[in-house]
C-alpha cells in the first residue's frame, strides 16, 4: 500500500470532465446523468483500501443526508487485476456497505487522469453547473481509527446549499494510491 495525498489538477471553477462509465448495476453513466441538483460529489474510491473502508460510512451518511440536493457517484479507477478489485468485487463492496448511489468502473483509468485523482478516497464537489467548488477530504480523521473533529465535506455541502462562501483552502485527502495498470 502506497500512502498518497491528493493534489490539485482541476482548479476551482473548472468544469467536471465528462465520462461514460459502467456502474455496478450494469447501466452506463455519463456526467449528464448527474445534472439537475444543486451539486455533484464524485468520490474516487476502491474496495480494498483501509482508508476507503474507514470513510465509507461517512460517505454513505452524506448520501443519506443530501441525496435530494446533491448527486453522488463513486468511481473505481484501480487496476481490476489488483487483489480485491474488479467489477464483481465492486458489486459486493457496494452491497455490503449499503451504497445506494452509482458505483462506476473506470476501466481505462482515463477518468482518474482527467480529474487528477491520485488516492482513495479522493472526493470532488461540484456545484449545480458542474464547476469545481471543493476538492479535498471527507473529514479531518485522515488515518483509520482517528477521531473525527471536523466534518469537512458536510460543512462544505451545507455552505453550498445555504449559498454561503466556500473557502479556497485545499484540505487534501489521504489514502492508498490508485493502482495504475502497467
Protein backbone atom coordinates (compact mmCIF):
# COMPACT_ATOMS: atom_id res chain seq x y z
CA UNK A 1 0.00 0.00 0.00
CA UNK A 2 1.47 3.33 -1.05
CA UNK A 3 0.11 6.11 1.14
CA UNK A 4 -0.70 9.07 -1.12
CA UNK A 5 -2.04 12.57 -0.61
CA UNK A 6 -4.42 14.10 -3.15
CA UNK A 7 -3.18 17.01 -5.22
CA UNK A 8 -4.96 19.60 -7.32
CA UNK A 9 -5.09 19.24 -11.08
CA UNK A 10 -8.57 20.71 -11.53
CA UNK A 11 -8.87 24.23 -10.19
CA UNK A 12 -11.88 25.82 -8.57
CA UNK A 13 -14.37 26.77 -11.28
CA UNK A 14 -13.14 24.13 -13.77
CA UNK A 15 -15.90 22.10 -15.41
CA UNK A 16 -16.14 18.43 -14.48
CA UNK A 17 -14.59 16.30 -17.23
CA UNK A 18 -17.22 14.15 -18.95
CA UNK A 19 -17.16 10.37 -18.79
CA UNK A 20 -19.02 7.28 -19.92
CA UNK A 21 -18.62 4.51 -17.34
CA UNK A 22 -20.48 1.34 -16.46
CA UNK A 23 -21.90 1.01 -12.97
CA UNK A 24 -22.24 -2.00 -10.72
CA UNK A 25 -25.91 -2.01 -11.75
CA UNK A 26 -24.95 -2.67 -15.40
CA UNK A 27 -26.03 0.80 -16.59
CA UNK A 28 -23.69 3.20 -18.36
CA UNK A 29 -23.49 6.68 -16.84
CA UNK A 30 -22.18 9.99 -18.14
CA UNK A 31 -21.83 13.35 -16.44
CA UNK A 32 -25.21 14.45 -17.83
CA UNK A 33 -26.92 11.74 -15.74
CA UNK A 34 -26.00 13.73 -12.63
CA UNK A 35 -27.41 17.12 -13.64
CA UNK A 36 -30.39 18.87 -12.11
CA UNK A 37 -29.29 19.03 -8.49
CA UNK A 38 -27.55 21.75 -6.53
CA UNK A 39 -24.28 19.85 -6.60
CA UNK A 40 -22.41 16.69 -7.50
CA UNK A 41 -20.00 14.76 -5.30
CA UNK A 42 -17.66 12.40 -7.16
CA UNK A 43 -15.54 10.19 -4.90
CA UNK A 44 -12.69 8.18 -6.39
CA UNK A 45 -12.61 5.06 -4.26
CA UNK A 46 -11.95 1.34 -4.34
CA UNK A 47 -12.79 -1.87 -2.49
CA UNK A 48 -9.64 -2.93 -0.65
CA UNK A 49 -8.22 0.33 0.74
CA UNK A 50 -8.36 0.70 4.56
CA UNK A 51 -8.78 4.47 4.10
CA UNK A 52 -11.89 3.97 1.97
CA UNK A 53 -13.20 1.37 4.40
CA UNK A 54 -12.72 3.89 7.23
CA UNK A 55 -14.60 6.61 5.29
CA UNK A 56 -17.35 4.67 3.51
CA UNK A 57 -19.72 5.01 6.46
CA UNK A 58 -19.30 8.80 6.40
CA UNK A 59 -19.79 8.85 2.61
CA UNK A 60 -22.97 6.76 2.86
CA UNK A 61 -24.19 9.07 5.65
CA UNK A 62 -23.53 12.14 3.46
CA UNK A 63 -25.53 10.50 0.68
CA UNK A 64 -28.43 9.74 3.02
CA UNK A 65 -28.43 13.31 4.32
CA UNK A 66 -28.04 15.15 0.99
CA UNK A 67 -29.32 12.80 -1.75
CA UNK A 68 -32.28 15.07 -2.55
CA UNK A 69 -29.99 18.06 -3.23
CA UNK A 70 -26.61 16.58 -4.21
CA UNK A 71 -25.92 13.87 -6.80
CA UNK A 72 -23.42 11.27 -5.60
CA UNK A 73 -21.22 8.89 -7.56
CA UNK A 74 -18.32 6.62 -6.63
CA UNK A 75 -15.65 5.86 -9.25
CA UNK A 76 -13.20 2.96 -9.03
CA UNK A 77 -10.14 3.53 -11.22
CA UNK A 78 -7.95 0.77 -9.80
CA UNK A 79 -6.38 -1.92 -11.93
CA UNK A 80 -9.10 -4.64 -11.96
CA UNK A 81 -6.42 -7.31 -11.54
CA UNK A 82 -5.30 -5.87 -8.20
CA UNK A 83 -6.45 -8.14 -5.30
CA UNK A 84 -9.95 -7.20 -4.13
CA UNK A 85 -10.72 -5.02 -7.14
CA UNK A 86 -12.70 -5.57 -10.38
CA UNK A 87 -16.40 -5.44 -11.20
CA UNK A 88 -17.55 -8.39 -9.09
CA UNK A 89 -15.70 -7.11 -6.03
CA UNK A 90 -17.21 -3.66 -6.62
CA UNK A 91 -20.72 -5.15 -6.62
CA UNK A 92 -20.07 -6.99 -3.36
CA UNK A 93 -18.45 -3.94 -1.72
CA UNK A 94 -21.37 -1.65 -2.68
CA UNK A 95 -23.93 -4.14 -1.36
CA UNK A 96 -22.05 -4.84 1.89
CA UNK A 97 -21.63 -1.11 2.59
CA UNK A 98 -25.20 -0.07 1.70
CA UNK A 99 -24.14 2.18 -1.17
CA UNK A 100 -27.36 3.36 -2.83
CA UNK A 101 -25.54 5.71 -5.21
CA UNK A 102 -23.92 4.64 -8.52
CA UNK A 103 -20.50 2.99 -8.24
CA UNK A 104 -18.74 3.22 -11.60
CA UNK A 105 -15.76 1.36 -13.06
CA UNK A 106 -13.08 3.47 -14.78
CA UNK A 107 -11.59 0.56 -16.68
CA UNK A 108 -9.18 2.66 -18.80
CA UNK A 109 -8.24 4.93 -15.87
CA UNK A 110 -8.73 7.92 -18.18
CA UNK A 111 -11.34 9.49 -15.88
CA UNK A 112 -8.98 9.43 -12.89
CA UNK A 113 -6.31 11.05 -15.05
CA UNK A 114 -8.72 13.73 -16.31
CA UNK A 115 -9.71 14.66 -12.75
CA UNK A 116 -6.22 14.32 -11.33
CA UNK A 117 -7.36 11.71 -8.81
CA UNK A 118 -4.39 10.14 -7.07
CA UNK A 119 -5.63 8.41 -3.93
CA UNK A 120 -8.64 6.62 -2.47
CA UNK A 121 -10.79 8.23 -1.29
CA UNK A 122 -10.37 11.37 -3.39
CA UNK A 123 -13.59 13.48 -3.33
CA UNK A 124 -14.53 16.30 -5.72
CA UNK A 125 -17.57 18.53 -5.06
CA UNK A 126 -19.08 20.41 -8.00
CA UNK A 127 -21.87 23.00 -7.97
CA UNK A 128 -25.14 22.74 -9.93
CA UNK A 129 -23.32 23.87 -13.11
CA UNK A 130 -20.79 21.08 -12.53
CA UNK A 131 -17.97 23.52 -11.84
CA UNK A 132 -15.48 22.50 -9.16
CA UNK A 133 -16.19 24.05 -5.76
CA UNK A 134 -14.09 21.88 -3.48
CA UNK A 135 -11.56 19.10 -3.84
CA UNK A 136 -10.46 17.71 -0.53
CA UNK A 137 -11.05 15.40 2.36
CA UNK A 138 -14.27 13.94 3.76
CA UNK A 139 -13.20 14.87 7.30
CA UNK A 140 -10.07 15.51 9.36
CA UNK A 141 -9.64 11.91 10.57
CA UNK A 142 -7.07 11.11 7.92
CA UNK A 143 -5.87 7.82 9.43
CA UNK A 144 -8.23 4.87 10.02
CA UNK A 145 -9.31 4.84 13.65
CA UNK A 146 -8.65 8.54 14.25
CA UNK A 147 -11.38 10.57 15.93
CA UNK A 148 -13.24 12.97 13.64
CA UNK A 149 -13.27 16.56 14.85
CA UNK A 150 -14.04 18.40 11.60
CA UNK A 151 -16.67 17.11 9.18
CA UNK A 152 -15.12 18.93 6.25
CA UNK A 153 -17.31 17.74 3.36
CA UNK A 154 -20.51 18.02 5.40
CA UNK A 155 -19.65 21.65 6.21
CA UNK A 156 -18.79 22.45 2.59
CA UNK A 157 -22.06 20.92 1.33
CA UNK A 158 -24.02 22.86 3.98
CA UNK A 159 -22.37 26.08 2.78
CA UNK A 160 -23.15 25.24 -0.85
CA UNK A 161 -26.82 24.60 -0.07
CA UNK A 162 -27.06 27.76 2.06
CA UNK A 163 -25.47 29.89 -0.66
CA UNK A 164 -22.52 30.71 1.60
CA UNK A 165 -18.95 31.24 0.51
CA UNK A 166 -16.75 28.17 0.34
CA UNK A 167 -13.14 28.90 1.18
CA UNK A 168 -10.29 28.31 -1.23
CA UNK A 169 -8.17 26.37 1.24
CA UNK A 170 -7.12 22.98 -0.14
CA UNK A 171 -7.53 20.29 2.52
CA UNK A 172 -6.11 17.20 0.81
CA UNK A 173 -7.38 13.71 1.25
CA UNK A 174 -5.06 10.88 2.23
CA UNK A 175 -5.31 7.25 1.24
CA UNK A 176 -3.96 4.41 -0.84
CA UNK A 177 -2.57 5.31 -4.23
CA UNK A 178 -4.67 4.45 -7.25
CA UNK A 179 -3.36 1.15 -8.58
CA UNK A 180 -2.35 2.07 -12.11
CA UNK A 181 -2.36 -0.51 -14.91
CA UNK A 182 1.20 -1.20 -16.01
